[in-house]
Amino acid sequence: MSATQAALTELLPLAGDTFDKNKVTPGVLGFIVFAALALAVWGLMKSMSRHMGRVDFKEAPEAGAAAVAAPAAEKAT
């Protein structure tokens, strides 16, 4: 028997004794739920990015700036 096998046979019973059988772990169902949420967030971010790219927003000038710009435009003609 090699040293590695001897060490494993000595340490494996210790690992088995320290495991709490009443401990709740997420398991496969937790992973599936987490993966589904991650895919949903990715899809929403992709959709939001596409919708924000379609927005054509032009800010209206303020009332005071329009009054100043009108006489300047008349002087230019």
C-alpha atoms as a PDB file:
ATOM      1  CA  MET A   1       0.000   0.000   0.000  1.00  0.00           C
ATOM      2  CA  SER A   2       1.412   3.397  -0.960  1.00  0.00           C
ATOM      3  CA  ALA A   3       1.700   6.372   1.344  1.00  0.00           C
ATOM      4  CA  THR A   4      -1.116   8.199  -0.481  1.00  0.00           C
ATOM      5  CA  GLN A   5      -3.539   5.315  -0.047  1.00  0.00           C
ATOM      6  CA  ALA A   6      -2.604   4.983   3.601  1.00  0.00           C
ATOM      7  CA  ALA A   7      -3.188   8.679   4.188  1.00  0.00           C
ATOM      8  CA  LEU A   8      -6.565   8.526   2.433  1.00  0.00           C
ATOM      9  CA  THR A   9      -7.730   5.566   4.460  1.00  0.00           C
ATOM     10  CA  GLU A  10      -6.705   7.379   7.637  1.00  0.00           C
ATOM     11  CA  LEU A  11      -8.317  10.734   6.739  1.00  0.00           C
ATOM     12  CA  LEU A  12     -11.556   9.667   5.055  1.00  0.00           C
ATOM     13  CA  PRO A  13     -13.216   8.389   8.242  1.00  0.00           C
ATOM     14  CA  LEU A  14     -12.393  11.720   9.898  1.00  0.00           C
ATOM     15  CA  ALA A  15     -14.060  13.641   7.076  1.00  0.00           C
ATOM     16  CA  GLY A  16     -17.125  11.424   7.339  1.00  0.00           C
ATOM     17  CA  ASP A  17     -17.461  12.083  11.066  1.00  0.00           C
ATOM     18  CA  THR A  18     -17.301  15.868  10.724  1.00  0.00           C
ATOM     19  CA  PHE A  19     -20.058  16.033   8.073  1.00  0.00           C
ATOM     20  CA  ASP A  20     -23.362  17.190   9.565  1.00  0.00           C
ATOM     21  CA  LYS A  21     -26.153  15.108   8.019  1.00  0.00           C
ATOM     22  CA  ASN A  22     -28.784  17.614   9.204  1.00  0.00           C
ATOM     23  CA  LYS A  23     -27.156  20.528   7.395  1.00  0.00           C
ATOM     24  CA  VAL A  24     -29.233  21.951   4.538  1.00  0.00           C
ATOM     25  CA  THR A  25     -27.380  22.470   1.258  1.00  0.00           C
ATOM     26  CA  PRO A  26     -28.712  24.028  -1.960  1.00  0.00           C
ATOM     27  CA  GLY A  27     -27.897  21.034  -4.144  1.00  0.00           C
ATOM     28  CA  VAL A  28     -28.936  20.705  -7.765  1.00  0.00           C
ATOM     29  CA  LEU A  29     -32.240  22.555  -7.333  1.00  0.00           C
ATOM     30  CA  GLY A  30     -30.437  25.588  -5.905  1.00  0.00           C
ATOM     31  CA  PHE A  31     -28.051  25.611  -8.841  1.00  0.00           C
ATOM     32  CA  ILE A  32     -30.907  25.361 -11.350  1.00  0.00           C
ATOM     33  CA  VAL A  33     -32.793  28.245  -9.707  1.00  0.00           C
ATOM     34  CA  PHE A  34     -29.644  30.378  -9.583  1.00  0.00           C
ATOM     35  CA  ALA A  35     -28.836  29.631 -13.235  1.00  0.00           C
ATOM     36  CA  ALA A  36     -32.419  30.478 -14.280  1.00  0.00           C
ATOM     37  CA  LEU A  37     -32.235  33.799 -12.436  1.00  0.00           C
ATOM     38  CA  ALA A  38     -28.872  34.580 -14.032  1.00  0.00           C
ATOM     39  CA  LEU A  39     -30.255  33.838 -17.508  1.00  0.00           C
ATOM     40  CA  ALA A  40     -33.319  36.000 -16.820  1.00  0.00           C
ATOM     41  CA  VAL A  41     -31.165  38.943 -15.699  1.00  0.00           C
ATOM     42  CA  TRP A  42     -28.926  38.533 -18.758  1.00  0.00           C
ATOM     43  CA  GLY A  43     -31.977  38.525 -21.049  1.00  0.00           C
ATOM     44  CA  LEU A  44     -33.437  41.600 -19.372  1.00  0.00           C
ATOM     45  CA  MET A  45     -30.137  43.488 -19.653  1.00  0.00           C
ATOM     46  CA  LYS A  46     -29.851  42.576 -23.337  1.00  0.00           C
ATOM     47  CA  SER A  47     -33.433  43.700 -23.977  1.00  0.00           C
ATOM     48  CA  MET A  48     -32.898  46.961 -22.068  1.00  0.00           C
ATOM     49  CA  SER A  49     -29.741  47.666 -24.033  1.00  0.00           C
ATOM     50  CA  ARG A  50     -31.597  47.110 -27.320  1.00  0.00           C
ATOM     51  CA  HIS A  51     -34.482  49.373 -26.253  1.00  0.00           C
ATOM     52  CA  MET A  52     -32.165  52.128 -25.006  1.00  0.00           C
ATOM     53  CA  GLY A  53     -30.371  52.033 -28.362  1.00  0.00           C
ATOM     54  CA  ARG A  54     -33.645  52.818 -30.135  1.00  0.00           C
ATOM     55  CA  VAL A  55     -34.344  55.929 -28.051  1.00  0.00           C
ATOM     56  CA  ASP A  56     -33.841  59.160 -29.988  1.00  0.00           C
ATOM     57  CA  PHE A  57     -33.841  61.824 -27.312  1.00  0.00           C
ATOM     58  CA  LYS A  58     -33.298  65.457 -28.218  1.00  0.00           C
ATOM     59  CA  GLU A  59     -33.513  67.859 -25.334  1.00  0.00           C
ATOM     60  CA  ALA A  60     -35.727  70.905 -25.900  1.00  0.00           C
ATOM     61  CA  PRO A  61     -33.944  74.216 -25.388  1.00  0.00           C
ATOM     62  CA  GLU A  62     -34.822  76.252 -22.339  1.00  0.00           C
ATOM     63  CA  ALA A  63     -37.135  79.253 -22.748  1.00  0.00           C
ATOM     64  CA  GLY A  64     -34.393  81.754 -21.860  1.00  0.00           C
ATOM     65  CA  ALA A  65     -31.926  80.239 -24.326  1.00  0.00           C
ATOM     66  CA  ALA A  66     -34.508  80.384 -27.136  1.00  0.00           C
ATOM     67  CA  ALA A  67     -35.103  84.108 -26.574  1.00  0.00           C
ATOM     68  CA  VAL A  68     -31.349  84.785 -26.773  1.00  0.00           C
ATOM     69  CA  ALA A  69     -30.867  82.590 -29.852  1.00  0.00           C
ATOM     70  CA  ALA A  70     -33.718  84.217 -31.868  1.00  0.00           C
ATOM     71  CA  PRO A  71     -32.147  87.743 -32.112  1.00  0.00           C
ATOM     72  CA  ALA A  72     -28.772  86.207 -32.929  1.00  0.00           C
ATOM     73  CA  ALA A  73     -30.337  84.276 -35.810  1.00  0.00           C
ATOM     74  CA  GLU A  74     -32.013  87.481 -37.126  1.00  0.00           C
ATOM     75  CA  LYS A  75     -28.681  89.359 -37.105  1.00  0.00           C
ATOM     76  CA  ALA A  76     -27.038  86.621 -39.134  1.00  0.00           C
ATOM     77  CA  THR A  77     -29.541  87.025 -42.043  1.00  0.00           C
END
